[in-house]
């Protein structure tokens, strides 16, 4: 296995919003909310809410 470590330095993380993982999770959450407003999710309030909460949970767990 060939693993290389990048010598590029990342900017310091001062708050969780600086984390690339959190930023990507936020983008995912936006997509999930957009998709769940369409058929068939928009009519199934329970499923829509559960999927939306799961997406938000990813962001929250990274922030913790």
N, C-alpha and C. Protein backbone atom coordinates (compact mmCIF):
# COMPACT_ATOMS: atom_id res chain seq x y z
N UNK A 1 0.84 -1.17 0.00
CA UNK A 1 0.00 0.00 0.00
C UNK A 1 0.89 1.23 0.00
N UNK A 2 0.59 2.16 -0.88
CA UNK A 2 1.39 3.37 -1.00
C UNK A 2 0.58 4.55 -0.49
N UNK A 3 0.91 5.04 0.69
CA UNK A 3 0.22 6.18 1.28
C UNK A 3 1.15 7.37 1.29
N UNK A 4 0.67 8.46 0.77
CA UNK A 4 1.48 9.67 0.76
C UNK A 4 0.78 10.73 1.56
N UNK A 5 1.56 11.48 2.29
CA UNK A 5 1.03 12.57 3.09
C UNK A 5 1.32 13.86 2.34
N UNK A 6 0.30 14.65 2.16
CA UNK A 6 0.46 15.92 1.45
C UNK A 6 1.26 16.90 2.30
N UNK A 7 2.16 17.60 1.67
CA UNK A 7 2.94 18.58 2.40
C UNK A 7 2.24 19.94 2.39
N UNK A 8 1.13 20.04 1.68
CA UNK A 8 0.37 21.28 1.66
C UNK A 8 -0.27 21.51 3.02
N UNK A 9 -0.14 22.69 3.51
CA UNK A 9 -0.71 23.01 4.82
C UNK A 9 -2.10 23.57 4.65
N UNK A 10 -2.99 23.08 5.47
CA UNK A 10 -4.36 23.59 5.48
C UNK A 10 -4.44 24.79 6.39
N UNK A 11 -5.37 25.68 6.11
CA UNK A 11 -5.53 26.80 7.04
C UNK A 11 -6.00 26.27 8.40
N UNK A 12 -5.68 26.96 9.46
CA UNK A 12 -6.06 26.47 10.80
C UNK A 12 -7.58 26.45 10.96
N UNK A 13 -8.03 25.49 11.72
CA UNK A 13 -9.46 25.37 12.02
C UNK A 13 -9.73 26.12 13.30
N UNK A 14 -10.52 27.16 13.20
CA UNK A 14 -10.85 27.97 14.36
C UNK A 14 -12.26 27.70 14.85
N UNK A 15 -13.09 27.24 13.95
CA UNK A 15 -14.46 26.89 14.31
C UNK A 15 -14.91 25.74 13.40
N UNK A 16 -15.95 25.05 13.80
CA UNK A 16 -16.34 23.86 13.06
C UNK A 16 -16.75 24.17 11.62
N UNK A 17 -17.20 25.39 11.34
CA UNK A 17 -17.58 25.76 9.98
C UNK A 17 -16.39 25.76 9.04
N UNK A 18 -15.18 25.80 9.57
CA UNK A 18 -13.97 25.76 8.75
C UNK A 18 -13.65 24.35 8.25
N UNK A 19 -14.23 23.34 8.87
CA UNK A 19 -13.96 21.96 8.48
C UNK A 19 -14.59 21.64 7.13
N UNK A 20 -13.80 21.08 6.22
CA UNK A 20 -14.30 20.71 4.90
C UNK A 20 -15.41 19.66 5.02
N UNK A 21 -15.26 18.75 5.95
CA UNK A 21 -16.28 17.71 6.14
C UNK A 21 -17.62 18.34 6.52
N UNK A 22 -17.61 19.35 7.38
CA UNK A 22 -18.85 20.01 7.77
C UNK A 22 -19.44 20.78 6.59
N UNK A 23 -18.59 21.43 5.81
CA UNK A 23 -19.06 22.17 4.64
C UNK A 23 -19.73 21.24 3.63
N UNK A 24 -19.14 20.08 3.41
CA UNK A 24 -19.73 19.10 2.49
C UNK A 24 -21.04 18.55 3.05
N UNK A 25 -21.09 18.33 4.36
CA UNK A 25 -22.32 17.84 4.99
C UNK A 25 -23.43 18.88 4.84
N UNK A 26 -23.08 20.15 4.90
CA UNK A 26 -24.06 21.22 4.71
C UNK A 26 -24.60 21.21 3.28
N UNK A 27 -23.71 21.01 2.31
CA UNK A 27 -24.14 20.91 0.92
C UNK A 27 -25.08 19.72 0.73
N UNK A 28 -24.74 18.59 1.35
CA UNK A 28 -25.59 17.40 1.28
C UNK A 28 -26.96 17.69 1.88
N UNK A 29 -26.99 18.37 3.01
CA UNK A 29 -28.24 18.69 3.67
C UNK A 29 -29.11 19.57 2.77
N UNK A 30 -28.50 20.55 2.11
CA UNK A 30 -29.26 21.39 1.18
C UNK A 30 -29.87 20.55 0.07
N UNK A 31 -29.10 19.62 -0.47
CA UNK A 31 -29.60 18.74 -1.53
C UNK A 31 -30.75 17.88 -1.03
N UNK A 32 -30.59 17.33 0.17
CA UNK A 32 -31.63 16.48 0.75
C UNK A 32 -32.92 17.27 0.92
N UNK A 33 -32.83 18.48 1.43
CA UNK A 33 -34.04 19.30 1.61
C UNK A 33 -34.69 19.60 0.27
N UNK A 34 -33.90 19.88 -0.75
CA UNK A 34 -34.45 20.14 -2.08
C UNK A 34 -35.14 18.91 -2.63
N UNK A 35 -34.49 17.76 -2.53
CA UNK A 35 -35.07 16.52 -3.06
C UNK A 35 -36.32 16.09 -2.32
N UNK A 36 -36.36 16.32 -1.02
CA UNK A 36 -37.52 15.87 -0.24
C UNK A 36 -38.73 16.78 -0.41
N UNK A 37 -38.57 17.89 -1.11
CA UNK A 37 -39.72 18.74 -1.42
C UNK A 37 -40.43 18.28 -2.69
N UNK A 38 -39.84 17.31 -3.39
CA UNK A 38 -40.41 16.79 -4.63
C UNK A 38 -41.21 15.52 -4.35
N UNK A 39 -41.94 15.07 -5.36
CA UNK A 39 -42.67 13.80 -5.27
C UNK A 39 -41.66 12.67 -5.14
N UNK A 40 -41.89 11.62 -4.47
CA UNK A 40 -43.03 11.27 -3.63
C UNK A 40 -42.84 11.71 -2.17
N UNK A 41 -41.68 12.28 -1.85
CA UNK A 41 -41.40 12.64 -0.45
C UNK A 41 -42.31 13.73 0.09
N UNK A 42 -42.69 14.67 -0.75
CA UNK A 42 -43.43 15.83 -0.24
C UNK A 42 -44.77 15.43 0.38
N UNK A 43 -45.33 14.29 -0.01
CA UNK A 43 -46.61 13.87 0.54
C UNK A 43 -46.48 12.95 1.76
N UNK A 44 -45.30 12.38 1.94
CA UNK A 44 -45.07 11.48 3.08
C UNK A 44 -44.30 12.26 4.15
N UNK A 45 -45.05 12.95 5.01
CA UNK A 45 -44.44 13.86 5.98
C UNK A 45 -43.51 13.15 6.95
N UNK A 46 -43.86 11.95 7.35
CA UNK A 46 -43.02 11.20 8.28
C UNK A 46 -41.68 10.84 7.68
N UNK A 47 -41.70 10.29 6.47
CA UNK A 47 -40.46 9.90 5.80
C UNK A 47 -39.62 11.12 5.47
N UNK A 48 -40.29 12.17 4.99
CA UNK A 48 -39.57 13.40 4.64
C UNK A 48 -38.85 13.96 5.87
N UNK A 49 -39.55 14.03 6.98
CA UNK A 49 -38.95 14.56 8.20
C UNK A 49 -37.80 13.71 8.70
N UNK A 50 -37.97 12.40 8.60
CA UNK A 50 -36.91 11.49 9.07
C UNK A 50 -35.65 11.65 8.24
N UNK A 51 -35.79 11.76 6.93
CA UNK A 51 -34.63 11.91 6.05
C UNK A 51 -33.96 13.27 6.29
N UNK A 52 -34.76 14.30 6.46
CA UNK A 52 -34.20 15.63 6.72
C UNK A 52 -33.46 15.66 8.05
N UNK A 53 -34.03 15.06 9.07
CA UNK A 53 -33.36 15.03 10.39
C UNK A 53 -32.05 14.24 10.32
N UNK A 54 -32.04 13.17 9.54
CA UNK A 54 -30.81 12.37 9.39
C UNK A 54 -29.71 13.20 8.74
N UNK A 55 -30.06 14.00 7.74
CA UNK A 55 -29.07 14.85 7.08
C UNK A 55 -28.52 15.90 8.04
N UNK A 56 -29.39 16.52 8.82
CA UNK A 56 -28.96 17.52 9.79
C UNK A 56 -28.10 16.87 10.87
N UNK A 57 -28.40 15.63 11.20
CA UNK A 57 -27.64 14.91 12.21
C UNK A 57 -26.17 14.75 11.81
N UNK A 58 -25.93 14.55 10.53
CA UNK A 58 -24.54 14.43 10.06
C UNK A 58 -23.79 15.70 10.37
N UNK A 59 -24.39 16.85 10.03
CA UNK A 59 -23.74 18.15 10.31
C UNK A 59 -23.52 18.32 11.81
N UNK A 60 -24.51 17.99 12.60
CA UNK A 60 -24.42 18.17 14.04
C UNK A 60 -23.33 17.30 14.65
N UNK A 61 -23.23 16.07 14.20
CA UNK A 61 -22.21 15.16 14.74
C UNK A 61 -20.81 15.64 14.39
N UNK A 62 -20.62 16.17 13.21
CA UNK A 62 -19.30 16.70 12.85
C UNK A 62 -18.98 17.92 13.70
N UNK A 63 -19.97 18.76 13.95
CA UNK A 63 -19.77 19.97 14.76
C UNK A 63 -19.41 19.62 16.20
N UNK A 64 -19.97 18.53 16.71
CA UNK A 64 -19.65 18.14 18.08
C UNK A 64 -18.21 17.69 18.17
